[in-house]
Amino acid sequence: MPSVQERKRGQSVLHDAVNCYDMDIVNAVLSSRSLDVNLKTYDGLTALDMAISRRWNEGERVLVLAGGRTSHIDSVHSDSTSNESDMDWSVAFMRL
């Protein structure tokens, strides 16, 4: 998938849409499947990380359903060999 990022912060149009709480753009990007939902900024943040930090529940839900992951989950997966590490904790969190 393309990784169209702006140069200064490494944010994609999906990150920008989350920053602006713009569900129309989030849905358009996700439905086009033209961008990796887990693309990270230069600071290592995914769009889901940003939605969580902004407490944008609607955005969090849509991103998780589209396969969005937090950067924390990715680092846990790379450090663990347990089968339990395959569980996406962001999905478990959304079920609470």
Protein backbone atom coordinates (compact mmCIF):
# COMPACT_ATOMS: atom_id res chain seq x y z
CA MET A 1 0.00 0.00 0.00
CA PRO A 2 1.19 3.52 -0.63
CA SER A 3 2.62 5.43 2.28
CA VAL A 4 1.88 8.99 1.30
CA GLN A 5 3.19 11.02 4.23
CA GLU A 6 3.92 14.69 4.57
CA ARG A 7 7.55 15.46 5.26
CA LYS A 8 7.57 17.45 8.49
CA ARG A 9 5.72 15.05 10.84
CA GLY A 10 5.23 12.00 8.65
CA GLN A 11 1.45 12.16 8.95
CA SER A 12 -0.84 10.67 6.33
CA VAL A 13 -4.24 12.00 5.31
CA LEU A 14 -5.70 9.45 7.76
CA HIS A 15 -3.69 10.94 10.65
CA ASP A 16 -4.83 14.42 9.59
CA ALA A 17 -8.47 13.31 9.47
CA VAL A 18 -8.18 11.89 12.99
CA ASN A 19 -6.58 15.13 14.18
CA CYS A 20 -9.61 17.02 12.82
CA TYR A 21 -12.20 14.48 14.05
CA ASP A 22 -13.32 14.18 10.41
CA MET A 23 -15.22 10.91 10.13
CA ASP A 24 -16.11 11.53 6.47
CA ILE A 25 -12.43 11.60 5.48
CA VAL A 26 -11.58 8.67 7.77
CA ASN A 27 -14.31 6.58 6.12
CA ALA A 28 -13.27 7.67 2.62
CA VAL A 29 -9.64 6.72 3.22
CA LEU A 30 -10.54 3.39 4.82
CA SER A 31 -13.05 2.47 2.11
CA SER A 32 -10.58 3.26 -0.66
CA ARG A 33 -8.02 0.88 0.87
CA SER A 34 -5.37 3.13 -0.66
CA LEU A 35 -3.46 3.69 2.57
CA ASP A 36 -2.10 1.39 5.27
CA VAL A 37 -4.35 1.92 8.31
CA ASN A 38 -1.33 1.20 10.56
CA LEU A 39 1.07 3.65 8.93
CA LYS A 40 3.12 5.39 11.62
CA THR A 41 4.16 9.02 11.88
CA TYR A 42 7.82 9.86 12.37
CA ASP A 43 7.03 9.79 16.11
CA GLY A 44 5.79 6.19 15.77
CA LEU A 45 2.07 6.90 16.17
CA THR A 46 -0.68 5.17 14.23
CA ALA A 47 -4.02 6.83 13.48
CA LEU A 48 -5.52 4.66 16.23
CA ASP A 49 -2.93 5.96 18.71
CA MET A 50 -3.99 9.48 17.83
CA ALA A 51 -7.72 8.73 18.12
CA ILE A 52 -7.14 7.16 21.54
CA SER A 53 -5.07 10.11 22.75
CA ARG A 54 -7.88 12.45 21.64
CA ARG A 55 -10.52 10.20 23.28
CA TRP A 56 -12.41 10.06 19.99
CA ASN A 57 -14.44 6.91 20.61
CA GLU A 58 -16.16 6.87 17.23
CA GLY A 59 -12.82 7.15 15.44
CA GLU A 60 -11.29 4.45 17.63
CA ARG A 61 -14.11 2.05 16.84
CA VAL A 62 -13.93 2.58 13.08
CA LEU A 63 -10.14 2.26 13.00
CA VAL A 64 -10.16 -0.95 15.07
CA LEU A 65 -12.83 -2.47 12.82
CA ALA A 66 -10.64 -1.58 9.82
CA GLY A 67 -7.67 -3.42 11.34
CA GLY A 68 -6.09 -0.48 13.11
CA ARG A 69 -3.52 -1.24 15.77
CA THR A 70 -1.71 0.85 18.30
CA SER A 71 2.05 1.23 18.13
CA HIS A 72 2.18 -0.20 21.66
CA ILE A 73 0.55 -3.43 20.48
CA ASP A 74 3.10 -3.77 17.70
CA SER A 75 6.00 -3.41 20.13
CA VAL A 76 4.46 -5.96 22.51
CA HIS A 77 4.07 -8.42 19.61
CA SER A 78 7.64 -8.04 18.50
CA ASP A 79 8.94 -8.71 22.04
CA SER A 80 6.78 -11.73 22.85
CA THR A 81 6.77 -15.34 21.73
CA SER A 82 3.53 -16.35 23.45
CA ASN A 83 0.45 -17.22 21.39
CA GLU A 84 -1.51 -14.93 23.69
CA SER A 85 0.47 -12.00 22.29
CA ASP A 86 -1.49 -12.41 19.05
CA MET A 87 -4.55 -10.92 20.72
CA ASP A 88 -5.08 -7.34 19.68
CA TRP A 89 -5.45 -5.56 23.00
CA SER A 90 -7.03 -2.56 21.31
CA VAL A 91 -9.98 -4.78 20.35
CA ALA A 92 -10.21 -6.12 23.90
CA PHE A 93 -10.11 -2.56 25.22
CA MET A 94 -12.96 -1.50 22.90
CA ARG A 95 -15.15 -4.33 24.23
CA LEU A 96 -15.00 -3.02 27.82
